[in-house]
Amino acid sequence: MLRKLFAVLLIVLPVFTAHAIEAVAGRTVFYLPDPVYAGKQNPYLESYWQVNPKTLHFKTIPGKGIVSMIQTDVLITNKAGGVIKEDHYVFQTIPVPTVSDLETLNIIELKRYFVTAGLLNIKITLTDLNDTTNQFVRIDTLTVPKQALGVFYGGPEFIDTFYTSDILTPFRKHGMQYVPLCEGFYDNYKHSLSYYTEVYQLSSVHKDDFPLVQSVYLSRKEGSNPYEVFTKIDTITSDTSVNFFSGTFNIESLPSGNYYLNVSLGTKSHKTIAGRSVFFQRLNTTPSKPVEAAKKAAKDTLLDNVNVLDLGKTFVAKFDMAHLKAIIKMVLPTCDASSTNAANSLLKKPDDLYVRYFVYNHFLAINKEKPEKAWKEYAEKVKIVNRLYSAHGRLGYETDKGFMYLRYGPPTEALVANSEKGALPYEVWQYDILKDMNGRSIANAVILFFKTSQTDFDFRVLHTNIPGELHNMNWRRYLFADPDGNSDYSSSMAEQVIGNK
């Protein structure tokens, strides 16, 4: 809000002297399902403004208090000049009993308007009714995108304050009060950045792509790699999950400059399927010191539950960056969705300090007393995988077989079919019992690997019945040469072992 800007008011009378209304205004587009047409999403505009009370004229109303009244005129037109929405009303400030109370007066308004897709012109005029020559006029343009065929985002929106409350106000959503920040500008007095966003049409995402991973992060350029460790992760488990998200970044260490707040949605296989960005500016003349920034960022963002310690005294001190990046790739099979996203971010933009924290804390979570022992034990498994599956310039842990071995251990039985008639080379791993990523015991688990051609160098996962992994009931269409023809594949080993699992 504009607390610091409005902190000192020159109060002489119960009426301020003003030459022009000083205000900031913002807007964000969200969507609501059409009540008639299933699958259609109707865009609406959240338009909000905030006024500096120092620039208004106030008057005393006997028996009520000191108030100001603002004539508000909103005009939204399309590219051709046609009127989409026109709104005219008088906004009255909350009555206060004394002039000194005007110092704490927060004058903010939010309205919602249904709009159409395309280029819109938005004109907001605020007129002080105690002095009609005192005005604020803002003319803005906005492109409202057409509804996407698949999953897509509304927002994101910068939030000044949010808190739990069921009181009916213009700021209420989902049992919370989300008061927007009317301008994307964060000065020295703002130490945190809060946001709100919504995602729509999750039902359009194939169930095999769940769980989805949502990343919210800050970047120097729109949609580019995350800036340092300003990243937050949410997991969306199904198409019935909630579609709204909010959070906060500690930005005490964020230097002055131009930035973007980005939201990105990816499948469990890390394919990006939706994203949005919004621009903001940061003025920070006293950023946190690097060590302090590292501690706060490690606790607040990318690396959850990081222990800040002297890494020079730990086993990660002996590794150079190339080795550390290799270790991150090695541990990917044992990472959950959140850690996988964090690991991939570090691989794209490695920072020596945070890469070391990530590796150290990964093994600390396995063995709190002896994390180095946990690393050495895991390294032995990697050696086995490299010995078994390395081929054609790829190390074993980089292959699908190596990945599954490190994640679930060796199979109870591996059935190999390199020359079965009518089928591509394939291999079926059977597990009597395995532990999935949530620690649940899965009986009679199978993993089907295949080569995409007779000359392919490596086996790839085609189908499993393990929850959270690739579940492809059309595996026959890829494995057999003529799955829809007259050939009988009932005698195939894959058909007999996997069937409809």
Protein backbone atom coordinates (compact mmCIF):
# COMPACT_ATOMS: atom_id res chain seq x y z
CA MET A 1 0.00 0.00 0.00
CA LEU A 2 0.98 3.64 0.00
CA ARG A 3 1.66 3.87 3.74
CA LYS A 4 5.11 5.42 3.51
CA LEU A 5 4.13 7.79 0.73
CA PHE A 6 1.18 9.04 2.73
CA ALA A 7 2.81 9.04 6.13
CA VAL A 8 3.14 12.82 6.59
CA LEU A 9 -0.03 14.87 6.12
CA LEU A 10 -0.03 18.68 6.33
CA ILE A 11 -3.16 19.09 8.41
CA VAL A 12 -4.33 22.65 8.98
CA LEU A 13 -8.10 22.33 8.72
CA PRO A 14 -10.50 19.39 8.35
CA VAL A 15 -9.98 19.99 4.62
CA PHE A 16 -6.73 19.15 2.77
CA THR A 17 -5.33 21.49 0.16
CA ALA A 18 -4.87 19.57 -3.11
CA HIS A 19 -4.06 20.33 -6.70
CA ALA A 20 -4.60 16.91 -8.31
CA ILE A 21 -5.65 13.56 -6.96
CA GLU A 22 -2.63 11.31 -6.52
CA ALA A 23 -3.56 7.68 -7.13
CA VAL A 24 -2.34 4.36 -8.52
CA ALA A 25 -4.47 1.87 -10.43
CA GLY A 26 -4.11 -1.72 -11.56
CA ARG A 27 -6.04 -4.52 -13.20
CA THR A 28 -5.91 -8.30 -13.60
CA VAL A 29 -7.96 -10.76 -15.68
CA PHE A 30 -9.51 -13.89 -14.17
CA TYR A 31 -12.21 -16.28 -15.43
CA LEU A 32 -15.49 -17.84 -14.32
CA PRO A 33 -17.29 -20.87 -15.84
CA ASP A 34 -20.18 -19.96 -18.12
CA PRO A 35 -23.49 -20.88 -16.38
CA VAL A 36 -25.01 -22.14 -19.65
CA TYR A 37 -22.28 -23.45 -21.94
CA ALA A 38 -20.23 -26.24 -20.39
CA GLY A 39 -16.48 -25.84 -20.82
CA LYS A 40 -16.66 -22.12 -21.61
CA GLN A 41 -14.76 -19.68 -19.40
CA ASN A 42 -15.87 -16.04 -19.25
CA PRO A 43 -13.14 -13.45 -18.59
CA TYR A 44 -13.67 -10.74 -16.02
CA LEU A 45 -11.54 -7.77 -15.07
CA GLU A 46 -10.53 -6.98 -11.52
CA SER A 47 -9.97 -3.21 -11.59
CA TYR A 48 -8.60 -1.51 -8.49
CA TRP A 49 -7.26 1.87 -7.44
CA GLN A 50 -5.82 3.53 -4.35
CA VAL A 51 -5.78 7.23 -3.49
CA ASN A 52 -3.39 9.30 -1.42
CA PRO A 53 -5.68 10.99 1.18
CA LYS A 54 -3.26 13.90 1.31
CA THR A 55 -4.48 14.91 -2.17
CA LEU A 56 -8.22 14.94 -1.38
CA HIS A 57 -10.53 17.56 0.10
CA PHE A 58 -12.43 16.43 3.19
CA LYS A 59 -15.42 17.91 4.93
CA THR A 60 -17.16 17.36 8.21
CA ILE A 61 -20.69 15.96 8.15
CA PRO A 62 -22.37 16.72 11.50
CA GLY A 63 -23.09 13.55 13.42
CA LYS A 64 -21.15 11.34 10.99
CA GLY A 65 -17.54 12.49 10.85
CA ILE A 66 -14.97 13.67 8.32
CA VAL A 67 -15.36 12.25 4.81
CA SER A 68 -14.40 12.75 1.21
CA MET A 69 -16.51 11.73 -1.77
CA ILE A 70 -15.00 10.60 -5.07
CA GLN A 71 -17.00 10.46 -8.29
CA THR A 72 -15.77 7.32 -10.03
CA ASP A 73 -16.24 6.84 -13.79
CA VAL A 74 -15.06 3.66 -15.54
CA LEU A 75 -15.27 3.23 -19.31
CA ILE A 76 -14.13 0.01 -21.01
CA THR A 77 -14.21 -0.07 -24.82
CA ASN A 78 -13.02 -2.50 -27.48
CA LYS A 79 -10.65 -1.83 -30.37
CA ALA A 80 -13.47 -0.52 -32.55
CA GLY A 81 -14.63 1.91 -29.84
CA GLY A 82 -17.68 -0.11 -28.81
CA VAL A 83 -18.61 0.15 -25.14
CA ILE A 84 -17.98 -3.09 -23.22
CA LYS A 85 -18.74 -1.67 -19.78
CA GLU A 86 -19.60 1.72 -18.36
CA ASP A 87 -19.82 2.36 -14.62
CA HIS A 88 -20.52 5.56 -12.67
CA TYR A 89 -20.81 5.81 -8.89
CA VAL A 90 -19.75 7.86 -5.86
CA PHE A 91 -17.18 6.38 -3.52
CA GLN A 92 -17.31 7.74 0.03
CA THR A 93 -14.37 7.30 2.36
CA ILE A 94 -14.90 5.75 5.78
CA PRO A 95 -15.96 8.52 8.20
CA VAL A 96 -13.33 9.33 10.82
CA PRO A 97 -13.94 11.38 13.97
CA THR A 98 -10.84 13.61 13.99
CA VAL A 99 -8.37 15.13 11.54
CA SER A 100 -5.51 13.09 13.03
CA ASP A 101 -7.36 9.89 12.04
CA LEU A 102 -6.95 10.85 8.38
CA GLU A 103 -3.27 9.84 8.62
CA THR A 104 -4.24 6.17 8.83
CA LEU A 105 -7.04 6.31 6.25
CA ASN A 106 -6.60 3.64 3.58
CA ILE A 107 -8.62 4.57 0.49
CA ILE A 108 -8.79 1.59 -1.86
CA GLU A 109 -11.50 0.25 -4.16
CA LEU A 110 -11.95 -2.92 -6.23
CA LYS A 111 -14.59 -3.63 -8.89
CA ARG A 112 -15.16 -6.63 -11.16
CA TYR A 113 -16.43 -6.36 -14.74
CA PHE A 114 -17.14 -9.09 -17.28
CA VAL A 115 -15.29 -8.30 -20.49
CA THR A 116 -14.67 -9.81 -23.93
CA ALA A 117 -11.48 -11.19 -25.43
CA GLY A 118 -9.36 -8.83 -27.50
CA LEU A 119 -7.75 -5.41 -27.17
CA LEU A 120 -9.54 -3.23 -24.59
CA ASN A 121 -9.16 0.43 -23.64
CA ILE A 122 -9.77 1.23 -19.98
CA LYS A 123 -10.36 4.77 -18.75
CA ILE A 124 -10.71 5.51 -15.04
CA THR A 125 -11.61 9.03 -13.89
CA LEU A 126 -11.66 9.97 -10.21
CA THR A 127 -13.15 13.37 -9.32
CA ASP A 128 -13.05 14.99 -5.89
CA LEU A 129 -16.67 16.11 -5.33
CA ASN A 130 -15.50 18.67 -2.78
CA ASP A 131 -13.47 20.27 -5.60
CA THR A 132 -14.42 19.06 -9.08
CA THR A 133 -11.25 20.56 -10.58
CA ASN A 134 -9.32 17.98 -8.56
CA GLN A 135 -9.10 14.85 -10.75
CA PHE A 136 -7.17 11.72 -11.56
CA VAL A 137 -7.42 10.20 -15.07
CA ARG A 138 -5.80 6.99 -16.22
CA ILE A 139 -6.12 5.54 -19.73
CA ASP A 140 -4.80 2.04 -20.17
CA THR A 141 -4.87 -0.72 -22.77
CA LEU A 142 -5.16 -4.43 -22.09
CA THR A 143 -5.29 -7.50 -24.30
CA VAL A 144 -7.60 -10.19 -22.93
CA PRO A 145 -6.54 -13.52 -24.50
CA LYS A 146 -9.10 -15.86 -26.00
CA GLN A 147 -9.95 -18.91 -23.95
CA ALA A 148 -7.26 -21.55 -24.45
CA LEU A 149 -8.21 -25.02 -25.65
CA GLY A 150 -6.30 -26.64 -22.81
CA VAL A 151 -5.25 -25.66 -19.31
CA PHE A 152 -4.45 -21.95 -18.79
CA TYR A 153 -3.87 -19.30 -16.12
CA GLY A 154 -5.63 -16.17 -14.92
CA GLY A 155 -3.50 -13.49 -13.26
CA PRO A 156 -1.04 -13.56 -11.59
CA GLU A 157 -1.93 -10.66 -9.33
CA PHE A 158 0.29 -8.83 -6.85
CA ILE A 159 -1.19 -8.86 -3.34
CA ASP A 160 -0.50 -6.24 -0.68
CA THR A 161 -2.21 -8.04 2.21
CA PHE A 162 -4.09 -11.29 2.64
CA TYR A 163 -5.71 -12.82 5.69
CA THR A 164 -8.48 -15.23 6.65
CA SER A 165 -11.92 -13.62 6.93
CA ASP A 166 -15.45 -14.46 5.78
CA ILE A 167 -16.62 -10.84 5.94
CA LEU A 168 -18.25 -9.88 2.63
CA THR A 169 -15.97 -7.29 1.03
CA PRO A 170 -14.86 -6.72 -2.58
CA PHE A 171 -11.55 -8.38 -1.66
CA ARG A 172 -12.99 -11.71 -0.47
CA LYS A 173 -12.06 -14.93 -2.30
CA HIS A 174 -12.19 -18.49 -0.97
CA GLY A 175 -12.64 -17.39 2.64
CA MET A 176 -9.68 -15.00 2.43
CA GLN A 177 -9.32 -11.25 1.99
CA TYR A 178 -6.87 -10.61 -0.87
CA VAL A 179 -6.14 -6.88 -1.00
CA PRO A 180 -4.28 -6.19 -4.27
CA LEU A 181 -1.17 -4.10 -4.68
CA CYS A 182 -2.30 -1.41 -7.11
CA GLU A 183 1.12 -0.91 -8.69
CA GLY A 184 3.90 -3.41 -9.41
CA PHE A 185 6.56 -1.42 -7.58
CA TYR A 186 8.45 -2.60 -4.50
CA ASP A 187 10.56 0.01 -2.74
CA ASN A 188 12.86 -0.10 0.30
CA TYR A 189 9.90 -0.34 2.66
CA LYS A 190 8.55 -3.54 1.12
CA HIS A 191 10.32 -6.67 2.28
CA SER A 192 8.00 -9.27 0.78
CA LEU A 193 6.17 -9.96 -2.48
CA SER A 194 2.83 -11.75 -2.31
CA TYR A 195 0.82 -13.10 -5.24
CA TYR A 196 -2.46 -14.78 -6.18
CA THR A 197 -3.21 -16.82 -9.31
CA GLU A 198 -5.80 -19.25 -10.69
CA VAL A 199 -5.50 -22.14 -13.15
CA TYR A 200 -8.42 -23.35 -15.28
CA GLN A 201 -9.50 -26.43 -17.24
CA LEU A 202 -7.41 -28.95 -15.34
CA SER A 203 -9.86 -31.55 -16.64
CA SER A 204 -8.32 -31.08 -20.11
CA VAL A 205 -5.05 -32.59 -18.86
CA HIS A 206 -4.72 -36.34 -19.38
CA LYS A 207 -4.80 -38.26 -16.12
CA ASP A 208 -1.47 -39.91 -16.96
CA ASP A 209 0.20 -36.49 -16.78
CA PHE A 210 -0.67 -36.03 -13.10
CA PRO A 211 0.65 -35.08 -10.64
CA LEU A 212 1.33 -31.65 -12.17
CA VAL A 213 4.07 -29.38 -10.86
CA GLN A 214 3.40 -25.66 -10.61
CA SER A 215 6.37 -23.31 -10.32
CA VAL A 216 6.10 -19.68 -9.24
CA TYR A 217 9.36 -17.82 -9.64
CA LEU A 218 11.04 -14.47 -10.21
CA SER A 219 13.17 -13.83 -13.30
CA ARG A 220 15.06 -11.00 -14.98
CA LYS A 221 13.38 -11.67 -18.32
CA GLU A 222 9.84 -12.84 -19.04
CA GLY A 223 9.62 -16.62 -18.74
CA SER A 224 13.39 -17.06 -18.46
CA ASN A 225 15.29 -19.06 -15.84
CA PRO A 226 14.55 -18.34 -12.16
CA TYR A 227 16.58 -15.54 -10.61
CA GLU A 228 18.76 -17.09 -7.91
CA VAL A 229 16.52 -19.17 -5.63
CA PHE A 230 13.26 -17.21 -5.80
CA THR A 231 11.09 -20.21 -6.65
CA LYS A 232 8.09 -21.86 -5.02
CA ILE A 233 6.57 -25.22 -5.94
CA ASP A 234 3.01 -26.55 -5.67
CA THR A 235 1.88 -30.05 -6.65
CA ILE A 236 -1.53 -30.52 -8.27
CA THR A 237 -2.57 -34.12 -7.73
CA SER A 238 -5.71 -34.34 -9.87
CA ASP A 239 -8.15 -32.37 -12.03
CA THR A 240 -10.40 -31.95 -8.97
CA SER A 241 -7.70 -30.11 -7.00
CA VAL A 242 -8.20 -26.48 -6.00
CA ASN A 243 -7.45 -24.07 -8.82
CA PHE A 244 -6.19 -21.06 -6.84
CA PHE A 245 -2.78 -20.46 -5.31
CA SER A 246 -1.14 -17.73 -3.28
CA GLY A 247 2.20 -17.27 -1.61
CA THR A 248 4.91 -14.87 -0.50
CA PHE A 249 8.57 -14.33 -1.34
CA ASN A 250 11.01 -12.66 1.04
CA ILE A 251 12.65 -10.05 -1.23
CA GLU A 252 14.99 -8.36 1.25
CA SER A 253 17.94 -9.69 -0.77
CA LEU A 254 16.43 -8.91 -4.20
CA PRO A 255 18.51 -6.10 -5.77
CA SER A 256 17.04 -3.09 -7.56
CA GLY A 257 15.96 -3.74 -11.12
CA ASN A 258 13.25 -4.91 -13.49
CA TYR A 259 11.78 -8.38 -12.91
CA TYR A 260 8.94 -10.71 -13.82
CA LEU A 261 6.74 -12.85 -11.61
CA ASN A 262 6.11 -16.09 -13.54
CA VAL A 263 3.75 -19.03 -13.04
CA SER A 264 4.40 -22.23 -14.97
CA LEU A 265 2.60 -25.57 -15.02
CA GLY A 266 4.32 -28.79 -16.04
CA THR A 267 3.46 -32.47 -16.26
CA LYS A 268 5.15 -35.09 -14.12
CA SER A 269 7.51 -35.67 -17.06
CA HIS A 270 8.45 -31.94 -16.86
CA LYS A 271 6.68 -30.82 -20.05
CA THR A 272 5.42 -27.23 -19.68
CA ILE A 273 1.73 -26.94 -20.56
CA ALA A 274 0.76 -23.46 -19.31
CA GLY A 275 2.33 -20.25 -18.06
CA ARG A 276 1.85 -16.51 -17.44
CA SER A 277 4.10 -13.62 -16.42
CA VAL A 278 3.67 -10.11 -15.00
CA PHE A 279 6.23 -7.30 -14.79
CA PHE A 280 7.33 -5.46 -11.64
CA GLN A 281 10.12 -3.17 -10.46
CA ARG A 282 12.26 -3.36 -7.36
CA LEU A 283 14.04 -0.45 -5.63
CA ASN A 284 16.31 -1.80 -2.90
CA THR A 285 19.19 0.43 -1.81
CA THR A 286 20.03 -1.79 1.18
CA PRO A 287 19.81 -5.43 0.02
CA SER A 288 20.64 -8.17 2.51
CA LYS A 289 24.21 -9.34 2.70
CA PRO A 290 24.93 -12.44 0.59
CA VAL A 291 25.20 -14.82 3.57
CA GLU A 292 22.00 -13.48 5.11
CA ALA A 293 20.28 -13.73 1.73
CA ALA A 294 21.43 -17.31 1.35
CA LYS A 295 20.04 -18.28 4.73
CA LYS A 296 16.67 -16.65 4.12
CA ALA A 297 16.38 -17.94 0.57
CA ALA A 298 17.31 -21.43 1.64
CA LYS A 299 14.60 -21.39 4.27
CA ASP A 300 11.95 -19.58 2.27
CA THR A 301 12.21 -20.77 -1.32
CA LEU A 302 13.86 -23.36 -3.48
CA LEU A 303 15.60 -25.52 -0.91
CA ASP A 304 13.12 -26.41 1.79
CA ASN A 305 14.44 -27.07 5.29
CA VAL A 306 18.03 -26.25 4.40
CA ASN A 307 20.50 -26.28 7.28
CA VAL A 308 22.86 -23.34 6.94
CA LEU A 309 26.29 -24.55 8.02
CA ASP A 310 29.94 -24.47 7.08
CA LEU A 311 29.86 -26.67 3.99
CA GLY A 312 33.65 -26.63 3.89
CA LYS A 313 33.59 -29.18 6.72
CA THR A 314 31.20 -31.58 4.97
CA PHE A 315 31.69 -34.26 2.32
CA VAL A 316 30.44 -31.95 -0.46
CA ALA A 317 33.47 -29.68 -0.05
CA LYS A 318 35.69 -32.01 -2.12
CA PHE A 319 33.46 -31.94 -5.22
CA ASP A 320 33.82 -29.48 -8.07
CA MET A 321 30.77 -28.12 -9.93
CA ALA A 322 30.88 -30.78 -12.67
CA HIS A 323 30.78 -33.55 -10.05
CA LEU A 324 28.03 -31.82 -8.07
CA LYS A 325 25.84 -31.49 -11.16
CA ALA A 326 26.42 -35.17 -11.90
CA ILE A 327 25.32 -36.06 -8.37
CA ILE A 328 22.12 -34.04 -8.80
CA LYS A 329 21.35 -36.07 -11.94
CA MET A 330 22.14 -39.27 -10.03
CA VAL A 331 19.67 -38.52 -7.24
CA LEU A 332 16.76 -37.50 -9.52
CA PRO A 333 15.21 -41.00 -9.27
CA THR A 334 14.82 -40.58 -5.51
CA CYS A 335 13.39 -37.03 -5.67
CA ASP A 336 9.71 -36.17 -5.28
CA ALA A 337 8.01 -33.68 -7.62
CA SER A 338 9.08 -30.64 -5.60
CA SER A 339 12.71 -31.70 -5.27
CA THR A 340 12.83 -32.69 -8.95
CA ASN A 341 11.77 -29.20 -9.97
CA ALA A 342 14.35 -27.67 -7.63
CA ALA A 343 17.06 -29.97 -8.99
CA ASN A 344 16.26 -29.11 -12.61
CA SER A 345 16.35 -25.40 -11.79
CA LEU A 346 19.81 -25.80 -10.28
CA LEU A 347 21.01 -27.81 -13.28
CA LYS A 348 19.88 -25.01 -15.60
CA LYS A 349 21.41 -22.26 -13.51
CA PRO A 350 23.87 -23.73 -11.02
CA ASP A 351 24.90 -21.64 -8.06
CA ASP A 352 27.82 -23.11 -6.14
CA LEU A 353 26.37 -22.43 -2.68
CA TYR A 354 22.87 -23.74 -3.38
CA VAL A 355 24.02 -26.75 -5.38
CA ARG A 356 26.13 -27.82 -2.41
CA TYR A 357 23.21 -27.22 -0.03
CA PHE A 358 20.93 -29.30 -2.24
CA VAL A 359 23.30 -32.28 -2.37
CA TYR A 360 24.15 -32.12 1.33
CA ASN A 361 20.55 -31.83 2.47
CA HIS A 362 19.38 -34.61 0.15
CA PHE A 363 21.55 -37.11 1.99
CA LEU A 364 21.00 -35.46 5.35
CA ALA A 365 17.30 -36.28 4.94
CA ILE A 366 18.27 -39.95 4.46
CA ASN A 367 20.70 -40.15 7.39
CA LYS A 368 20.61 -37.25 9.83
CA GLU A 369 23.58 -38.57 11.78
CA LYS A 370 25.84 -39.55 8.89
CA PRO A 371 24.82 -37.93 5.58
CA GLU A 372 28.22 -38.84 4.05
CA LYS A 373 27.50 -42.50 4.73
CA ALA A 374 24.15 -42.15 2.93
CA TRP A 375 25.99 -40.68 -0.07
CA LYS A 376 28.56 -43.47 -0.17
CA GLU A 377 25.85 -46.15 -0.01
CA TYR A 378 23.94 -44.49 -2.83
CA ALA A 379 27.13 -44.09 -4.86
CA GLU A 380 27.60 -47.87 -4.71
CA LYS A 381 24.15 -48.33 -6.27
CA VAL A 382 25.08 -45.85 -9.00
CA LYS A 383 28.22 -47.87 -9.74
CA ILE A 384 26.09 -50.99 -10.20
CA VAL A 385 23.72 -49.13 -12.53
CA ASN A 386 26.61 -47.75 -14.55
CA ARG A 387 28.13 -51.20 -14.89
CA LEU A 388 24.82 -52.74 -16.01
CA TYR A 389 23.29 -50.09 -18.26
CA SER A 390 25.94 -47.69 -19.58
CA ALA A 391 26.06 -47.77 -23.38
CA HIS A 392 26.78 -45.60 -26.39
CA GLY A 393 28.11 -42.63 -24.42
CA ARG A 394 25.34 -42.60 -21.79
CA LEU A 395 26.04 -43.46 -18.18
CA GLY A 396 23.74 -46.00 -16.59
CA TYR A 397 22.02 -43.54 -14.25
CA GLU A 398 21.02 -41.44 -17.29
CA THR A 399 19.04 -44.31 -18.87
CA ASP A 400 15.43 -45.31 -18.17
CA LYS A 401 16.54 -48.69 -16.84
CA GLY A 402 19.08 -47.04 -14.54
CA PHE A 403 16.49 -44.52 -13.36
CA MET A 404 13.99 -47.25 -12.43
CA TYR A 405 16.68 -49.38 -10.79
CA LEU A 406 17.75 -46.48 -8.57
CA ARG A 407 14.15 -45.59 -7.76
CA TYR A 408 12.73 -49.06 -7.06
CA GLY A 409 15.72 -51.36 -6.78
CA PRO A 410 16.49 -54.47 -8.83
CA PRO A 411 13.48 -56.37 -10.19
CA THR A 412 12.48 -59.73 -8.81
CA GLU A 413 12.68 -61.00 -12.38
CA ALA A 414 13.66 -59.45 -15.72
CA LEU A 415 12.12 -61.04 -18.83
CA VAL A 416 13.94 -60.24 -22.08
CA ALA A 417 12.46 -60.47 -25.60
CA ASN A 418 14.95 -59.20 -28.14
CA SER A 419 13.62 -61.09 -31.15
CA GLU A 420 9.97 -61.92 -30.55
CA LYS A 421 8.08 -62.17 -33.84
CA GLY A 422 6.04 -59.08 -34.70
CA ALA A 423 7.34 -57.09 -31.76
CA LEU A 424 10.05 -54.54 -31.16
CA PRO A 425 12.79 -55.56 -28.70
CA TYR A 426 11.45 -55.25 -25.15
CA GLU A 427 12.03 -56.21 -21.54
CA VAL A 428 9.58 -56.65 -18.65
CA TRP A 429 10.65 -56.11 -15.07
CA GLN A 430 8.51 -57.83 -12.47
CA TYR A 431 8.47 -56.96 -8.77
CA ASP A 432 6.76 -59.17 -6.22
CA ILE A 433 6.56 -56.09 -3.94
CA LEU A 434 8.06 -52.62 -4.26
CA LYS A 435 7.74 -49.36 -2.34
CA ASP A 436 6.36 -46.47 -4.40
CA MET A 437 7.41 -42.83 -3.94
CA ASN A 438 4.82 -42.39 -1.18
CA GLY A 439 6.13 -45.38 0.76
CA ARG A 440 3.20 -47.64 -0.13
CA SER A 441 3.78 -51.33 -0.88
CA ILE A 442 2.77 -52.28 -4.44
CA ALA A 443 2.32 -55.97 -5.20
CA ASN A 444 2.86 -57.53 -8.64
CA ALA A 445 4.35 -54.37 -10.14
CA VAL A 446 5.57 -54.44 -13.74
CA ILE A 447 7.66 -52.09 -15.85
CA LEU A 448 7.70 -52.51 -19.64
CA PHE A 449 10.77 -51.19 -21.49
CA PHE A 450 11.12 -51.21 -25.28
CA LYS A 451 13.29 -49.98 -28.12
CA THR A 452 11.55 -47.54 -30.46
CA SER A 453 13.14 -49.32 -33.44
CA GLN A 454 15.25 -52.37 -34.17
CA THR A 455 18.31 -50.11 -34.39
CA ASP A 456 17.62 -48.08 -31.24
CA PHE A 457 20.53 -48.13 -28.78
CA ASP A 458 18.54 -47.91 -25.56
CA PHE A 459 15.41 -49.17 -23.84
CA ARG A 460 12.74 -46.69 -22.81
CA VAL A 461 9.82 -47.01 -20.40
CA LEU A 462 6.62 -47.76 -22.32
CA HIS A 463 4.20 -48.72 -19.53
CA THR A 464 4.02 -49.48 -15.80
CA ASN A 465 1.26 -50.20 -13.30
CA ILE A 466 3.04 -48.25 -10.57
CA PRO A 467 1.04 -45.22 -9.32
CA GLY A 468 2.65 -41.97 -10.39
CA GLU A 469 4.63 -43.53 -13.23
CA LEU A 470 3.83 -43.75 -16.95
CA HIS A 471 0.60 -45.75 -17.28
CA ASN A 472 0.02 -46.39 -20.99
CA MET A 473 -2.85 -48.77 -21.74
CA ASN A 474 -2.10 -48.35 -25.46
CA TRP A 475 1.31 -50.00 -25.07
CA ARG A 476 0.41 -52.70 -27.63
CA ARG A 477 0.05 -50.04 -30.33
CA TYR A 478 3.70 -49.07 -29.84
CA LEU A 479 5.17 -52.50 -29.19
CA PHE A 480 3.60 -54.65 -31.88
CA ALA A 481 4.05 -54.16 -35.61
CA ASP A 482 0.37 -54.68 -36.42
CA PRO A 483 -1.66 -54.29 -33.21
CA ASP A 484 -4.93 -53.63 -35.07
CA GLY A 485 -4.44 -56.25 -37.78
CA ASN A 486 -5.20 -59.94 -37.92
CA SER A 487 -2.07 -61.14 -36.17
CA ASP A 488 -2.56 -63.02 -32.90
CA TYR A 489 -0.37 -61.66 -30.13
CA SER A 490 -2.03 -63.59 -27.32
CA SER A 491 1.04 -65.81 -27.06
CA SER A 492 3.36 -62.82 -26.66
CA MET A 493 5.29 -62.81 -23.40
CA ALA A 494 4.30 -59.18 -22.84
CA GLU A 495 0.62 -60.02 -23.29
CA GLN A 496 0.81 -62.95 -20.89
CA VAL A 497 2.82 -61.10 -18.20
CA ILE A 498 1.23 -57.64 -18.41
CA GLY A 499 -2.24 -58.12 -19.92
CA ASN A 500 -4.40 -55.27 -18.62
CA LYS A 501 -2.28 -54.39 -15.61
